[in-house]
Amino acid sequence: MNWKRLLHHAESAQLTPELRARIQASFDESSRDEENFPSTIDPRIYHVKLIREHLGDLRGKRVLDVGCGKGRFARVFREQEPEAEFWGLDISEEMLRYVPEGIHTRAGSMTELPFPDAHFDAAYATESLEHAVEIEKAVAEICRVVKPGGRIAIIDKNAEQWGRLETPGWERWFTRRELERLLKRHCREVSSRPISYWEDVPPDGLFLAWLAVK
């Protein structure tokens, strides 16, 4: 399936209870795979730097890691901003067991975030939105729980590079325009760019970053 057919097919995808259970079970099992689902991440990678630069000064602010896995990004950000309040949301309670102390956790779906409106000053999702299935709903939820003026960062894979990696049947990748359009429904500023893992390495097209201000 090429990427244009993938986008068309995904518009009708639904996160049924059965599919949600499959996804949760998959990540529960993956929690035991430290090699491919690590608890830590190199704080020097550009993903970390870009999110931190976009979110800005986080002292005294509440931040949500959407689809946090084992909390590897939240771990780094909390070390950098100990006066901020970090929350990690993930569908897998087994993944959340690895999140370090000092980071609040909540099990749940990206399409039904268990938080009130405007609860967070900022939110980010790194390679997690691709597992939400109902992408439009998940983007709306991320925007809903962020305060007006709050900042949102999403890093995920480029649909135009679909096929480069083996993926589970529910996974989705995105074009720049697709997520820009969804974010613009809720945010006053939206931009996107190709990025690489390392700042001094030119992007190869696999990763994209979307940066928004609500």
Protein backbone atom coordinates (compact mmCIF):
# COMPACT_ATOMS: atom_id res chain seq x y z
CA MET A 1 0.00 0.00 0.00
CA ASN A 2 1.51 3.36 -0.98
CA TRP A 3 1.29 6.34 1.32
CA LYS A 4 -1.57 8.09 -0.50
CA ARG A 5 -3.73 4.97 -0.29
CA LEU A 6 -2.67 4.61 3.33
CA LEU A 7 -4.03 8.08 4.17
CA HIS A 8 -7.30 7.39 2.39
CA HIS A 9 -7.72 4.04 4.13
CA ALA A 10 -6.96 5.48 7.56
CA GLU A 11 -9.70 8.10 7.43
CA SER A 12 -12.27 5.41 8.28
CA ALA A 13 -10.15 3.61 10.91
CA GLN A 14 -11.81 3.16 14.29
CA LEU A 15 -10.36 2.38 17.69
CA THR A 16 -12.72 -0.44 18.59
CA PRO A 17 -12.53 -2.06 22.04
CA GLU A 18 -10.96 -5.09 20.41
CA LEU A 19 -8.27 -3.05 18.65
CA ARG A 20 -7.57 -1.03 21.76
CA ALA A 21 -7.04 -4.28 23.68
CA ARG A 22 -4.66 -5.52 20.97
CA ILE A 23 -2.62 -2.33 21.08
CA GLN A 24 -2.48 -2.37 24.88
CA ALA A 25 -1.41 -6.02 24.93
CA SER A 26 1.29 -5.32 22.35
CA PHE A 27 2.81 -2.54 24.44
CA ASP A 28 2.44 -4.51 27.65
CA GLU A 29 4.58 -7.18 26.01
CA SER A 30 6.99 -4.63 24.54
CA SER A 31 7.61 -3.18 27.99
CA ARG A 32 9.92 -6.12 28.62
CA ASP A 33 11.99 -5.28 25.51
CA GLU A 34 14.50 -2.74 26.80
CA GLU A 35 16.55 -2.82 23.59
CA ASN A 36 13.77 -1.58 21.31
CA PHE A 37 11.70 0.21 23.95
CA PRO A 38 14.34 1.77 26.22
CA SER A 39 13.72 3.55 29.51
CA THR A 40 16.22 6.29 28.71
CA ILE A 41 17.15 8.45 25.75
CA ASP A 42 20.29 10.40 24.91
CA PRO A 43 19.52 14.00 26.00
CA ARG A 44 21.70 15.30 23.16
CA ILE A 45 19.40 14.15 20.35
CA TYR A 46 17.64 16.88 18.40
CA HIS A 47 14.17 15.57 19.30
CA VAL A 48 14.87 16.53 22.92
CA LYS A 49 16.36 19.92 22.05
CA LEU A 50 13.58 20.89 19.67
CA ILE A 51 10.79 20.08 22.13
CA ARG A 52 12.53 21.93 24.96
CA GLU A 53 13.13 25.00 22.80
CA HIS A 54 9.53 25.07 21.64
CA LEU A 55 7.96 24.54 25.06
CA GLY A 56 10.16 27.24 26.58
CA ASP A 57 10.62 27.95 30.30
CA LEU A 58 8.70 25.25 32.18
CA ARG A 59 9.34 26.35 35.77
CA GLY A 60 6.13 26.07 37.74
CA LYS A 61 4.23 24.67 34.74
CA ARG A 62 2.34 21.43 34.18
CA VAL A 63 3.42 19.36 31.14
CA LEU A 64 1.90 16.25 29.55
CA ASP A 65 3.84 13.54 27.72
CA VAL A 66 1.19 11.90 25.50
CA GLY A 67 1.97 8.24 24.88
CA CYS A 68 4.97 8.43 27.17
CA GLY A 69 5.93 4.75 27.17
CA LYS A 70 8.54 4.32 29.90
CA GLY A 71 8.86 8.09 30.31
CA ARG A 72 12.23 8.47 28.63
CA PHE A 73 11.57 12.04 27.43
CA ALA A 74 9.85 13.10 30.65
CA ARG A 75 12.83 11.74 32.59
CA VAL A 76 15.21 14.04 30.71
CA PHE A 77 12.94 17.08 30.90
CA ARG A 78 12.36 16.67 34.62
CA GLU A 79 16.11 16.60 35.20
CA GLN A 80 16.38 19.82 33.17
CA GLU A 81 13.32 21.48 34.76
CA PRO A 82 12.93 20.12 38.33
CA GLU A 83 10.43 22.86 39.22
CA ALA A 84 7.95 21.73 36.54
CA GLU A 85 5.17 19.18 37.07
CA PHE A 86 5.38 16.35 34.53
CA TRP A 87 2.66 13.86 33.66
CA GLY A 88 2.93 10.77 31.49
CA LEU A 89 -0.07 9.20 29.75
CA ASP A 90 0.12 5.76 28.17
CA ILE A 91 -2.26 2.98 27.18
CA SER A 92 0.02 0.39 28.81
CA GLU A 93 0.20 0.19 32.58
CA GLU A 94 3.18 -2.13 32.17
CA MET A 95 5.08 0.64 30.37
CA LEU A 96 4.14 3.10 33.11
CA ARG A 97 5.78 0.89 35.74
CA TYR A 98 9.16 2.04 34.36
CA VAL A 99 8.43 5.76 34.64
CA PRO A 100 10.69 7.20 37.35
CA GLU A 101 9.41 8.61 40.62
CA GLY A 102 8.54 12.27 40.53
CA ILE A 103 6.63 11.99 37.24
CA HIS A 104 2.87 11.56 37.61
CA THR A 105 1.33 8.84 35.44
CA ARG A 106 -2.12 7.99 34.15
CA ALA A 107 -3.20 5.03 32.04
CA GLY A 108 -5.55 5.84 29.19
CA SER A 109 -6.10 6.40 25.49
CA MET A 110 -4.94 9.39 23.46
CA THR A 111 -8.44 9.62 22.03
CA GLU A 112 -10.00 10.05 25.49
CA LEU A 113 -7.47 11.86 27.65
CA PRO A 114 -8.49 11.54 31.33
CA PHE A 115 -7.87 15.21 32.14
CA PRO A 116 -10.05 18.33 32.26
CA ASP A 117 -9.98 21.07 29.66
CA ALA A 118 -6.98 23.43 29.74
CA HIS A 119 -5.29 21.40 32.47
CA PHE A 120 -1.74 21.64 31.07
CA ASP A 121 0.57 24.47 30.10
CA ALA A 122 2.20 22.32 27.40
CA ALA A 123 2.03 18.87 25.82
CA TYR A 124 4.16 16.80 23.49
CA ALA A 125 3.88 13.45 21.70
CA THR A 126 6.96 11.68 20.34
CA GLU A 127 6.37 8.75 18.00
CA SER A 128 3.11 7.98 19.82
CA LEU A 129 0.38 9.64 17.75
CA GLU A 130 1.09 7.02 15.07
CA HIS A 131 -0.59 4.47 17.37
CA ALA A 132 -3.76 6.47 18.14
CA VAL A 133 -5.77 5.02 15.19
CA GLU A 134 -8.38 7.82 15.37
CA ILE A 135 -5.87 10.56 14.63
CA GLU A 136 -8.26 13.48 14.30
CA LYS A 137 -9.79 12.71 17.68
CA ALA A 138 -6.39 12.30 19.34
CA VAL A 139 -5.13 15.65 18.03
CA ALA A 140 -8.31 17.34 19.25
CA GLU A 141 -7.83 15.78 22.68
CA ILE A 142 -4.22 16.93 22.97
CA CYS A 143 -5.30 20.46 22.10
CA ARG A 144 -8.28 20.33 24.46
CA VAL A 145 -6.20 19.64 27.58
CA VAL A 146 -3.72 22.46 26.84
CA LYS A 147 -4.43 26.00 28.02
CA PRO A 148 -4.92 28.87 25.53
CA GLY A 149 -1.45 30.15 24.73
CA GLY A 150 0.07 26.78 25.65
CA ARG A 151 2.50 25.00 23.39
CA ILE A 152 2.25 21.63 21.67
CA ALA A 153 4.97 19.58 19.95
CA ILE A 154 4.46 16.40 17.92
CA ILE A 155 7.29 14.34 16.44
CA ASP A 156 6.40 11.41 14.24
CA LYS A 157 7.14 9.66 10.97
CA ASN A 158 6.57 10.96 7.47
CA ALA A 159 3.85 9.19 5.44
CA GLU A 160 5.87 9.78 2.28
CA GLN A 161 8.48 7.41 3.73
CA TRP A 162 5.94 4.66 4.45
CA GLY A 163 7.43 1.21 4.04
CA ARG A 164 10.90 1.98 5.34
CA LEU A 165 10.18 0.27 8.64
CA GLU A 166 8.14 -2.74 9.70
CA THR A 167 4.96 -1.56 11.42
CA PRO A 168 1.95 -3.10 13.19
CA GLY A 169 -1.30 -3.09 11.25
CA TRP A 170 -2.83 -0.15 13.14
CA GLU A 171 0.12 2.24 12.81
CA ARG A 172 -0.24 5.49 10.86
CA TRP A 173 2.32 7.95 9.52
CA PHE A 174 1.51 11.53 8.53
CA THR A 175 2.21 14.17 5.91
CA ARG A 176 3.16 17.65 7.00
CA ARG A 177 -0.05 19.10 5.60
CA GLU A 178 -2.30 16.51 7.24
CA LEU A 179 -1.27 17.27 10.82
CA GLU A 180 -0.95 20.98 10.16
CA ARG A 181 -4.59 20.98 9.04
CA LEU A 182 -5.74 19.11 12.16
CA LEU A 183 -3.74 21.32 14.52
CA LYS A 184 -4.96 24.52 12.88
CA ARG A 185 -8.50 23.65 13.90
CA HIS A 186 -7.51 24.28 17.51
CA CYS A 187 -4.28 26.31 17.46
CA ARG A 188 -3.47 29.86 16.34
CA GLU A 189 0.09 29.07 15.25
CA VAL A 190 1.24 25.89 13.52
CA SER A 191 4.46 25.02 11.70
CA SER A 192 6.27 21.86 10.66
CA ARG A 193 9.68 20.76 9.46
CA PRO A 194 11.74 17.67 8.62
CA ILE A 195 14.15 16.78 11.40
CA SER A 196 16.95 14.34 12.15
CA TYR A 197 17.96 12.59 15.36
CA TRP A 198 21.10 14.71 15.40
CA GLU A 199 21.28 18.43 14.79
CA ASP A 200 24.40 18.20 12.62
CA VAL A 201 22.96 15.44 10.39
CA PRO A 202 20.68 16.53 7.51
CA PRO A 203 17.13 15.09 7.75
CA ASP A 204 16.62 12.00 5.59
CA GLY A 205 12.85 12.47 5.36
CA LEU A 206 11.78 9.93 7.97
CA PHE A 207 10.93 12.24 10.87
CA LEU A 208 8.75 15.33 10.92
CA ALA A 209 8.05 17.79 13.73
CA TRP A 210 4.91 19.86 14.17
CA LEU A 211 5.03 22.83 16.54
CA ALA A 212 1.90 24.67 17.63
CA VAL A 213 0.65 27.39 19.97
CA LYS A 214 -2.96 27.10 21.07
